[in-house]
């Protein structure tokens, strides 16, 4: 079944229109979309601290997460939209109302804090209306800038435990470095 889900994702990804990414400049206010894997208790302490850092940088932050359960209660992070199994169809694609809500907003920067291959979050990254998309290199080609780790391949990333806060720090380091070299 997993291969069928991946086949459908790859088919839809190839049919996506060509994008013209625009590199974000951190010295101006940006509208940022965070995509992350929610923990089962939906506490997301590292995501809260990342959000606080972005708010300190004068950025407008929206957050979309995913947790593999049916009942979702986003009381701890009310400013975050956490999706569950009910928000995806039989083939693993987000339902139409999810895609409509996701594409209704335009973002300057998408920060994909997914640290392992998760198809539900790959769909969000693929369909998000963002000028520039950054994430970990998971071998799918949906981001404009990839953070690669020399120690393991995308296939091995499921076995390695990475933290979203570490990935966020790496992304911000690269974006800041590239901006300073403009």
C-alpha atoms as a PDB file:
ATOM      1  CA  UNK A   1       0.000   0.000   0.000  1.00  0.00           C
ATOM      2  CA  UNK A   2       2.876   2.353   0.845  1.00  0.00           C
ATOM      3  CA  UNK A   3       4.257   1.981  -2.689  1.00  0.00           C
ATOM      4  CA  UNK A   4       0.859   2.880  -4.164  1.00  0.00           C
ATOM      5  CA  UNK A   5       0.691   6.019  -1.992  1.00  0.00           C
ATOM      6  CA  UNK A   6       4.195   6.998  -3.079  1.00  0.00           C
ATOM      7  CA  UNK A   7       3.369   6.329  -6.749  1.00  0.00           C
ATOM      8  CA  UNK A   8       0.335   8.625  -6.557  1.00  0.00           C
ATOM      9  CA  UNK A   9       2.383  11.322  -4.827  1.00  0.00           C
ATOM     10  CA  UNK A  10       5.132  11.111  -7.470  1.00  0.00           C
ATOM     11  CA  UNK A  11       2.544  11.272 -10.263  1.00  0.00           C
ATOM     12  CA  UNK A  12       0.912  14.384  -8.770  1.00  0.00           C
ATOM     13  CA  UNK A  13       4.290  15.998  -8.053  1.00  0.00           C
ATOM     14  CA  UNK A  14       5.320  15.657 -11.696  1.00  0.00           C
ATOM     15  CA  UNK A  15       2.089  17.346 -12.768  1.00  0.00           C
ATOM     16  CA  UNK A  16       2.658  20.400 -10.572  1.00  0.00           C
ATOM     17  CA  UNK A  17       3.311  23.613 -12.537  1.00  0.00           C
ATOM     18  CA  UNK A  18       6.853  24.951 -12.769  1.00  0.00           C
ATOM     19  CA  UNK A  19       7.692  27.384  -9.974  1.00  0.00           C
ATOM     20  CA  UNK A  20       9.844  30.518  -9.917  1.00  0.00           C
ATOM     21  CA  UNK A  21      11.201  30.628  -6.374  1.00  0.00           C
ATOM     22  CA  UNK A  22      12.095  33.978  -4.816  1.00  0.00           C
ATOM     23  CA  UNK A  23      14.697  33.983  -2.080  1.00  0.00           C
ATOM     24  CA  UNK A  24      13.399  35.600   1.124  1.00  0.00           C
ATOM     25  CA  UNK A  25      15.169  38.545   2.728  1.00  0.00           C
ATOM     26  CA  UNK A  26      15.085  38.216   6.496  1.00  0.00           C
ATOM     27  CA  UNK A  27      15.509  41.961   7.042  1.00  0.00           C
ATOM     28  CA  UNK A  28      11.884  42.570   6.087  1.00  0.00           C
ATOM     29  CA  UNK A  29       8.688  41.143   7.604  1.00  0.00           C
ATOM     30  CA  UNK A  30       7.798  37.797   6.090  1.00  0.00           C
ATOM     31  CA  UNK A  31       4.782  35.567   6.173  1.00  0.00           C
ATOM     32  CA  UNK A  32       6.118  32.135   7.167  1.00  0.00           C
ATOM     33  CA  UNK A  33       4.483  28.710   7.072  1.00  0.00           C
ATOM     34  CA  UNK A  34       5.879  26.040   9.399  1.00  0.00           C
ATOM     35  CA  UNK A  35       5.153  22.413   8.539  1.00  0.00           C
ATOM     36  CA  UNK A  36       5.975  19.885  11.235  1.00  0.00           C
ATOM     37  CA  UNK A  37       5.223  16.467  12.655  1.00  0.00           C
ATOM     38  CA  UNK A  38       3.219  16.908  15.828  1.00  0.00           C
ATOM     39  CA  UNK A  39       3.988  14.760  18.823  1.00  0.00           C
ATOM     40  CA  UNK A  40       1.238  12.388  19.936  1.00  0.00           C
ATOM     41  CA  UNK A  41       0.358  14.561  22.927  1.00  0.00           C
ATOM     42  CA  UNK A  42       0.285  17.622  20.632  1.00  0.00           C
ATOM     43  CA  UNK A  43       2.519  19.599  23.011  1.00  0.00           C
ATOM     44  CA  UNK A  44       5.213  20.457  20.427  1.00  0.00           C
ATOM     45  CA  UNK A  45       7.602  22.287  22.746  1.00  0.00           C
ATOM     46  CA  UNK A  46      10.312  22.729  20.102  1.00  0.00           C
ATOM     47  CA  UNK A  47       7.751  24.118  17.633  1.00  0.00           C
ATOM     48  CA  UNK A  48       6.605  26.645  20.256  1.00  0.00           C
ATOM     49  CA  UNK A  49      10.167  27.896  20.715  1.00  0.00           C
ATOM     50  CA  UNK A  50      10.686  28.095  16.935  1.00  0.00           C
ATOM     51  CA  UNK A  51       7.488  30.111  16.617  1.00  0.00           C
ATOM     52  CA  UNK A  52       8.665  32.475  19.369  1.00  0.00           C
ATOM     53  CA  UNK A  53      11.973  32.984  17.566  1.00  0.00           C
ATOM     54  CA  UNK A  54      10.201  33.819  14.305  1.00  0.00           C
ATOM     55  CA  UNK A  55       7.872  36.224  16.106  1.00  0.00           C
ATOM     56  CA  UNK A  56      10.932  37.960  17.612  1.00  0.00           C
ATOM     57  CA  UNK A  57      12.182  38.378  14.052  1.00  0.00           C
ATOM     58  CA  UNK A  58       8.935  40.247  13.227  1.00  0.00           C
ATOM     59  CA  UNK A  59       7.507  37.461  11.067  1.00  0.00           C
ATOM     60  CA  UNK A  60       3.879  36.442  10.673  1.00  0.00           C
ATOM     61  CA  UNK A  61       3.820  32.709  11.453  1.00  0.00           C
ATOM     62  CA  UNK A  62       1.277  30.062  10.463  1.00  0.00           C
ATOM     63  CA  UNK A  63       1.790  26.472  11.553  1.00  0.00           C
ATOM     64  CA  UNK A  64       0.465  23.231  10.094  1.00  0.00           C
ATOM     65  CA  UNK A  65       1.240  19.918  11.716  1.00  0.00           C
ATOM     66  CA  UNK A  66       0.316  16.284  11.301  1.00  0.00           C
ATOM     67  CA  UNK A  67      -0.185  13.497  13.815  1.00  0.00           C
ATOM     68  CA  UNK A  68      -1.134   9.931  12.887  1.00  0.00           C
ATOM     69  CA  UNK A  69      -4.337   9.669  14.918  1.00  0.00           C
ATOM     70  CA  UNK A  70      -8.005  10.336  14.263  1.00  0.00           C
ATOM     71  CA  UNK A  71      -9.022  12.576  17.156  1.00  0.00           C
ATOM     72  CA  UNK A  72      -7.203  15.909  17.215  1.00  0.00           C
ATOM     73  CA  UNK A  73      -7.333  18.395  20.106  1.00  0.00           C
ATOM     74  CA  UNK A  74      -5.201  21.484  19.447  1.00  0.00           C
ATOM     75  CA  UNK A  75      -5.759  23.138  22.791  1.00  0.00           C
ATOM     76  CA  UNK A  76      -2.067  23.556  23.579  1.00  0.00           C
ATOM     77  CA  UNK A  77      -1.190  25.281  20.290  1.00  0.00           C
ATOM     78  CA  UNK A  78      -4.436  26.965  19.225  1.00  0.00           C
ATOM     79  CA  UNK A  79      -2.594  29.026  16.587  1.00  0.00           C
ATOM     80  CA  UNK A  80      -1.548  25.803  14.874  1.00  0.00           C
ATOM     81  CA  UNK A  81      -3.603  23.627  12.587  1.00  0.00           C
ATOM     82  CA  UNK A  82      -2.897  19.979  13.267  1.00  0.00           C
ATOM     83  CA  UNK A  83      -4.175  17.477  10.744  1.00  0.00           C
ATOM     84  CA  UNK A  84      -4.933  13.853  11.458  1.00  0.00           C
ATOM     85  CA  UNK A  85      -5.900  10.699   9.614  1.00  0.00           C
ATOM     86  CA  UNK A  86      -9.428  11.996   8.969  1.00  0.00           C
ATOM     87  CA  UNK A  87      -8.041  14.913   6.943  1.00  0.00           C
ATOM     88  CA  UNK A  88      -6.570  12.586   4.292  1.00  0.00           C
ATOM     89  CA  UNK A  89      -8.315  10.333   1.801  1.00  0.00           C
ATOM     90  CA  UNK A  90      -7.795   6.607   1.244  1.00  0.00           C
ATOM     91  CA  UNK A  91      -4.788   7.267  -1.009  1.00  0.00           C
ATOM     92  CA  UNK A  92      -3.041   9.496   1.533  1.00  0.00           C
ATOM     93  CA  UNK A  93      -3.795  12.779  -0.248  1.00  0.00           C
ATOM     94  CA  UNK A  94      -5.218  15.709   1.767  1.00  0.00           C
ATOM     95  CA  UNK A  95      -8.954  16.180   1.368  1.00  0.00           C
ATOM     96  CA  UNK A  96     -10.175  19.080  -0.775  1.00  0.00           C
ATOM     97  CA  UNK A  97     -11.093  21.306   2.181  1.00  0.00           C
ATOM     98  CA  UNK A  98      -7.533  20.977   3.534  1.00  0.00           C
ATOM     99  CA  UNK A  99      -5.998  21.931   0.176  1.00  0.00           C
ATOM    100  CA  UNK A 100      -8.427  24.840  -0.217  1.00  0.00           C
ATOM    101  CA  UNK A 101      -7.478  26.206   3.221  1.00  0.00           C
ATOM    102  CA  UNK A 102      -3.761  25.636   2.588  1.00  0.00           C
ATOM    103  CA  UNK A 103      -3.740  27.365  -0.791  1.00  0.00           C
ATOM    104  CA  UNK A 104      -5.925  30.265   0.346  1.00  0.00           C
ATOM    105  CA  UNK A 105      -2.922  31.956   1.972  1.00  0.00           C
ATOM    106  CA  UNK A 106       0.228  33.137   0.244  1.00  0.00           C
ATOM    107  CA  UNK A 107       3.511  32.743   2.130  1.00  0.00           C
ATOM    108  CA  UNK A 108       6.934  34.258   1.550  1.00  0.00           C
ATOM    109  CA  UNK A 109       8.735  31.314   3.133  1.00  0.00           C
ATOM    110  CA  UNK A 110       7.846  27.710   3.888  1.00  0.00           C
ATOM    111  CA  UNK A 111       9.937  26.029   6.576  1.00  0.00           C
ATOM    112  CA  UNK A 112       9.409  22.285   6.376  1.00  0.00           C
ATOM    113  CA  UNK A 113      10.639  20.955   9.712  1.00  0.00           C
ATOM    114  CA  UNK A 114       9.878  17.352   8.825  1.00  0.00           C
ATOM    115  CA  UNK A 115      12.832  15.227   9.851  1.00  0.00           C
ATOM    116  CA  UNK A 116      11.767  11.950   8.228  1.00  0.00           C
ATOM    117  CA  UNK A 117       9.780  10.961   5.139  1.00  0.00           C
ATOM    118  CA  UNK A 118       6.091  11.522   5.933  1.00  0.00           C
ATOM    119  CA  UNK A 119       3.801  11.556   2.933  1.00  0.00           C
ATOM    120  CA  UNK A 120       1.032  13.621   4.601  1.00  0.00           C
ATOM    121  CA  UNK A 121       3.513  16.425   5.259  1.00  0.00           C
ATOM    122  CA  UNK A 122       5.118  16.079   1.813  1.00  0.00           C
ATOM    123  CA  UNK A 123       1.705  16.858   0.321  1.00  0.00           C
ATOM    124  CA  UNK A 124       1.424  19.996   2.441  1.00  0.00           C
ATOM    125  CA  UNK A 125       4.859  21.159   1.314  1.00  0.00           C
ATOM    126  CA  UNK A 126       4.035  20.399  -2.302  1.00  0.00           C
ATOM    127  CA  UNK A 127       0.684  22.211  -2.385  1.00  0.00           C
ATOM    128  CA  UNK A 128       1.571  25.193  -0.180  1.00  0.00           C
ATOM    129  CA  UNK A 129       1.457  28.555  -1.929  1.00  0.00           C
ATOM    130  CA  UNK A 130       4.930  29.798  -0.945  1.00  0.00           C
ATOM    131  CA  UNK A 131       7.567  31.839  -2.770  1.00  0.00           C
ATOM    132  CA  UNK A 132      10.455  29.848  -1.285  1.00  0.00           C
ATOM    133  CA  UNK A 133      10.386  26.360   0.244  1.00  0.00           C
ATOM    134  CA  UNK A 134      13.124  25.000   2.506  1.00  0.00           C
ATOM    135  CA  UNK A 135      13.414  21.555   4.041  1.00  0.00           C
ATOM    136  CA  UNK A 136      15.491  18.488   4.692  1.00  0.00           C
ATOM    137  CA  UNK A 137      16.661  16.576   1.630  1.00  0.00           C
ATOM    138  CA  UNK A 138      14.330  13.600   1.590  1.00  0.00           C
ATOM    139  CA  UNK A 139      14.808  12.927  -2.122  1.00  0.00           C
ATOM    140  CA  UNK A 140      11.503  14.283  -3.438  1.00  0.00           C
ATOM    141  CA  UNK A 141      12.400  17.579  -5.104  1.00  0.00           C
ATOM    142  CA  UNK A 142       9.591  19.734  -3.718  1.00  0.00           C
ATOM    143  CA  UNK A 143      11.791  22.311  -1.961  1.00  0.00           C
ATOM    144  CA  UNK A 144      13.791  25.185  -3.426  1.00  0.00           C
ATOM    145  CA  UNK A 145      16.592  24.817  -0.894  1.00  0.00           C
ATOM    146  CA  UNK A 146      17.547  21.485   0.647  1.00  0.00           C
ATOM    147  CA  UNK A 147      19.398  20.827   3.859  1.00  0.00           C
ATOM    148  CA  UNK A 148      21.468  17.697   3.295  1.00  0.00           C
ATOM    149  CA  UNK A 149      23.233  15.666   5.878  1.00  0.00           C
ATOM    150  CA  UNK A 150      26.432  14.002   4.683  1.00  0.00           C
ATOM    151  CA  UNK A 151      26.182  11.167   7.192  1.00  0.00           C
ATOM    152  CA  UNK A 152      23.096   9.463   5.777  1.00  0.00           C
ATOM    153  CA  UNK A 153      20.955   9.144   2.672  1.00  0.00           C
ATOM    154  CA  UNK A 154      17.225  10.044   2.435  1.00  0.00           C
ATOM    155  CA  UNK A 155      16.392   6.337   2.721  1.00  0.00           C
ATOM    156  CA  UNK A 156      18.258   6.090   6.027  1.00  0.00           C
ATOM    157  CA  UNK A 157      16.612   9.188   7.503  1.00  0.00           C
ATOM    158  CA  UNK A 158      13.789   7.155   9.050  1.00  0.00           C
ATOM    159  CA  UNK A 159      16.336   5.414  11.278  1.00  0.00           C
ATOM    160  CA  UNK A 160      18.038   8.623  12.463  1.00  0.00           C
ATOM    161  CA  UNK A 161      16.309  10.755  15.109  1.00  0.00           C
ATOM    162  CA  UNK A 162      16.607  14.445  14.277  1.00  0.00           C
ATOM    163  CA  UNK A 163      15.059  17.315  16.165  1.00  0.00           C
ATOM    164  CA  UNK A 164      12.967  19.997  14.460  1.00  0.00           C
ATOM    165  CA  UNK A 165      14.833  22.656  16.447  1.00  0.00           C
ATOM    166  CA  UNK A 166      18.168  21.464  15.023  1.00  0.00           C
ATOM    167  CA  UNK A 167      16.741  21.554  11.483  1.00  0.00           C
ATOM    168  CA  UNK A 168      15.344  25.055  12.088  1.00  0.00           C
ATOM    169  CA  UNK A 169      18.752  26.301  13.266  1.00  0.00           C
ATOM    170  CA  UNK A 170      20.419  24.828  10.157  1.00  0.00           C
ATOM    171  CA  UNK A 171      17.843  26.397   7.840  1.00  0.00           C
ATOM    172  CA  UNK A 172      18.175  29.831   9.444  1.00  0.00           C
ATOM    173  CA  UNK A 173      21.969  29.587   9.372  1.00  0.00           C
ATOM    174  CA  UNK A 174      21.935  28.890   5.631  1.00  0.00           C
ATOM    175  CA  UNK A 175      19.341  31.544   4.807  1.00  0.00           C
ATOM    176  CA  UNK A 176      21.278  34.144   6.821  1.00  0.00           C
ATOM    177  CA  UNK A 177      24.600  33.135   5.242  1.00  0.00           C
ATOM    178  CA  UNK A 178      23.214  33.282   1.732  1.00  0.00           C
ATOM    179  CA  UNK A 179      21.643  36.681   2.411  1.00  0.00           C
ATOM    180  CA  UNK A 180      24.904  38.071   3.753  1.00  0.00           C
ATOM    181  CA  UNK A 181      26.683  36.957   0.582  1.00  0.00           C
ATOM    182  CA  UNK A 182      24.195  38.703  -1.760  1.00  0.00           C
END
